Amino acid sequence: MDKLRFRPTPNLRERRRRRCLRFALTDSRGAEIPVIVRDISSRGLSAAALGDPPALNEVVRAALEDGRELWGLVRWRDDNLFGVEFDTRS
């Protein structure tokens, strides 16, 4: 197969909202993880930890201003930057 003929399938994702705000996630042990959110969508967030970031595949919880809680898994990590994929089934 000739690479030049390859046409990638578009990965349609919702628009992410760029944010730069302080936020607190809670890890699976209940410890708070202070972070600055870089962008957020209904499916996840990208953040910079103000200390040690959560481990890869760790479960974290985000408490939203409206009282809802979102649970998710840390899907990637690079130094103090990391990304969380929310559990969208609930």
C-alpha atoms as a PDB file:
ATOM      1  CA  MET A   1       0.000   0.000   0.000  1.00  0.00           C
ATOM      2  CA  ASP A   2       1.317   3.419  -0.938  1.00  0.00           C
ATOM      3  CA  LYS A   3       1.418   5.744   2.116  1.00  0.00           C
ATOM      4  CA  LEU A   4       0.574   8.729  -0.059  1.00  0.00           C
ATOM      5  CA  ARG A   5      -2.842   7.221  -0.859  1.00  0.00           C
ATOM      6  CA  PHE A   6      -3.746   6.768   2.804  1.00  0.00           C
ATOM      7  CA  ARG A   7      -6.583   8.998   4.006  1.00  0.00           C
ATOM      8  CA  PRO A   8      -7.076   8.929   7.790  1.00  0.00           C
ATOM      9  CA  THR A   9     -10.585   8.553   9.140  1.00  0.00           C
ATOM     10  CA  PRO A  10     -11.562  11.774  10.916  1.00  0.00           C
ATOM     11  CA  ASN A  11     -11.767  11.454  14.669  1.00  0.00           C
ATOM     12  CA  LEU A  12     -14.791  13.622  15.444  1.00  0.00           C
ATOM     13  CA  ARG A  13     -14.562  15.073  18.928  1.00  0.00           C
ATOM     14  CA  GLU A  14     -16.540  17.788  20.579  1.00  0.00           C
ATOM     15  CA  ARG A  15     -14.992  21.190  20.924  1.00  0.00           C
ATOM     16  CA  ARG A  16     -12.805  21.544  23.999  1.00  0.00           C
ATOM     17  CA  ARG A  17     -13.052  24.627  26.140  1.00  0.00           C
ATOM     18  CA  ARG A  18      -9.683  26.117  26.963  1.00  0.00           C
ATOM     19  CA  ARG A  19      -9.482  26.945  30.631  1.00  0.00           C
ATOM     20  CA  CYS A  20      -6.750  27.990  32.969  1.00  0.00           C
ATOM     21  CA  LEU A  21      -8.191  27.650  36.425  1.00  0.00           C
ATOM     22  CA  ARG A  22      -7.311  26.045  39.719  1.00  0.00           C
ATOM     23  CA  PHE A  23      -9.151  22.832  40.324  1.00  0.00           C
ATOM     24  CA  ALA A  24      -8.992  20.014  42.833  1.00  0.00           C
ATOM     25  CA  LEU A  25      -9.189  16.377  41.882  1.00  0.00           C
ATOM     26  CA  THR A  26      -9.392  13.627  44.462  1.00  0.00           C
ATOM     27  CA  ASP A  27      -7.481  10.385  44.042  1.00  0.00           C
ATOM     28  CA  SER A  28      -8.821   6.914  44.878  1.00  0.00           C
ATOM     29  CA  ARG A  29      -7.551   7.239  48.481  1.00  0.00           C
ATOM     30  CA  GLY A  30      -9.397  10.523  48.995  1.00  0.00           C
ATOM     31  CA  ALA A  31      -6.286  12.745  48.841  1.00  0.00           C
ATOM     32  CA  GLU A  32      -6.683  16.063  47.058  1.00  0.00           C
ATOM     33  CA  ILE A  33      -4.589  16.682  43.930  1.00  0.00           C
ATOM     34  CA  PRO A  34      -4.309  20.437  43.254  1.00  0.00           C
ATOM     35  CA  VAL A  35      -4.156  21.112  39.512  1.00  0.00           C
ATOM     36  CA  ILE A  36      -4.542  23.818  36.901  1.00  0.00           C
ATOM     37  CA  VAL A  37      -6.965  22.723  34.176  1.00  0.00           C
ATOM     38  CA  ARG A  38      -5.698  23.440  30.661  1.00  0.00           C
ATOM     39  CA  ASP A  39      -8.799  22.290  28.776  1.00  0.00           C
ATOM     40  CA  ILE A  40     -11.957  20.386  29.585  1.00  0.00           C
ATOM     41  CA  SER A  41     -14.818  18.679  27.744  1.00  0.00           C
ATOM     42  CA  SER A  42     -17.629  16.324  28.721  1.00  0.00           C
ATOM     43  CA  ARG A  43     -15.298  13.390  28.016  1.00  0.00           C
ATOM     44  CA  GLY A  44     -12.229  14.485  29.955  1.00  0.00           C
ATOM     45  CA  LEU A  45      -9.683  17.101  30.894  1.00  0.00           C
ATOM     46  CA  SER A  46      -6.050  18.013  30.470  1.00  0.00           C
ATOM     47  CA  ALA A  47      -4.285  19.487  33.488  1.00  0.00           C
ATOM     48  CA  ALA A  48      -0.984  20.422  35.092  1.00  0.00           C
ATOM     49  CA  ALA A  49      -0.428  19.154  38.622  1.00  0.00           C
ATOM     50  CA  LEU A  50       0.890  21.654  41.166  1.00  0.00           C
ATOM     51  CA  GLY A  51       2.782  18.771  42.802  1.00  0.00           C
ATOM     52  CA  ASP A  52       3.041  15.125  41.868  1.00  0.00           C
ATOM     53  CA  PRO A  53       0.510  14.154  39.190  1.00  0.00           C
ATOM     54  CA  PRO A  54      -1.661  11.079  39.657  1.00  0.00           C
ATOM     55  CA  ALA A  55      -0.315   7.764  38.380  1.00  0.00           C
ATOM     56  CA  LEU A  56      -1.187   6.370  34.981  1.00  0.00           C
ATOM     57  CA  ASN A  57      -4.540   4.489  35.084  1.00  0.00           C
ATOM     58  CA  GLU A  58      -5.340   5.878  38.543  1.00  0.00           C
ATOM     59  CA  VAL A  59      -8.998   6.609  39.310  1.00  0.00           C
ATOM     60  CA  VAL A  60      -9.692  10.272  40.097  1.00  0.00           C
ATOM     61  CA  ARG A  61     -12.830  12.206  41.006  1.00  0.00           C
ATOM     62  CA  ALA A  62     -13.750  15.764  40.031  1.00  0.00           C
ATOM     63  CA  ALA A  63     -16.360  17.675  42.043  1.00  0.00           C
ATOM     64  CA  LEU A  64     -18.149  20.197  39.832  1.00  0.00           C
ATOM     65  CA  GLU A  65     -19.612  23.521  40.944  1.00  0.00           C
ATOM     66  CA  ASP A  66     -23.178  22.280  40.372  1.00  0.00           C
ATOM     67  CA  GLY A  67     -22.687  19.443  42.879  1.00  0.00           C
ATOM     68  CA  ARG A  68     -22.134  16.643  40.365  1.00  0.00           C
ATOM     69  CA  GLU A  69     -19.126  14.360  40.609  1.00  0.00           C
ATOM     70  CA  LEU A  70     -17.284  12.893  37.637  1.00  0.00           C
ATOM     71  CA  TRP A  71     -15.049   9.861  37.867  1.00  0.00           C
ATOM     72  CA  GLY A  72     -12.300   9.113  35.425  1.00  0.00           C
ATOM     73  CA  LEU A  73      -9.003   7.403  34.673  1.00  0.00           C
ATOM     74  CA  VAL A  74      -5.640   9.023  34.072  1.00  0.00           C
ATOM     75  CA  ARG A  75      -4.924   8.070  30.449  1.00  0.00           C
ATOM     76  CA  TRP A  76      -1.613   9.839  29.831  1.00  0.00           C
ATOM     77  CA  ARG A  77       1.098  11.556  31.826  1.00  0.00           C
ATOM     78  CA  ASP A  78       4.126  13.660  30.844  1.00  0.00           C
ATOM     79  CA  ASP A  79       6.119  15.224  33.706  1.00  0.00           C
ATOM     80  CA  ASN A  80       3.482  17.175  35.662  1.00  0.00           C
ATOM     81  CA  LEU A  81       0.968  17.205  32.764  1.00  0.00           C
ATOM     82  CA  PHE A  82      -1.725  14.556  32.516  1.00  0.00           C
ATOM     83  CA  GLY A  83      -5.064  13.750  30.928  1.00  0.00           C
ATOM     84  CA  VAL A  84      -8.188  12.231  32.444  1.00  0.00           C
ATOM     85  CA  GLU A  85     -10.910  10.378  30.553  1.00  0.00           C
ATOM     86  CA  PHE A  86     -14.253  10.670  32.372  1.00  0.00           C
ATOM     87  CA  ASP A  87     -16.629   7.754  32.835  1.00  0.00           C
ATOM     88  CA  THR A  88     -19.471   8.959  30.609  1.00  0.00           C
ATOM     89  CA  ARG A  89     -21.818   6.046  31.370  1.00  0.00           C
ATOM     90  CA  SER A  90     -23.265   7.726  34.464  1.00  0.00           C
END
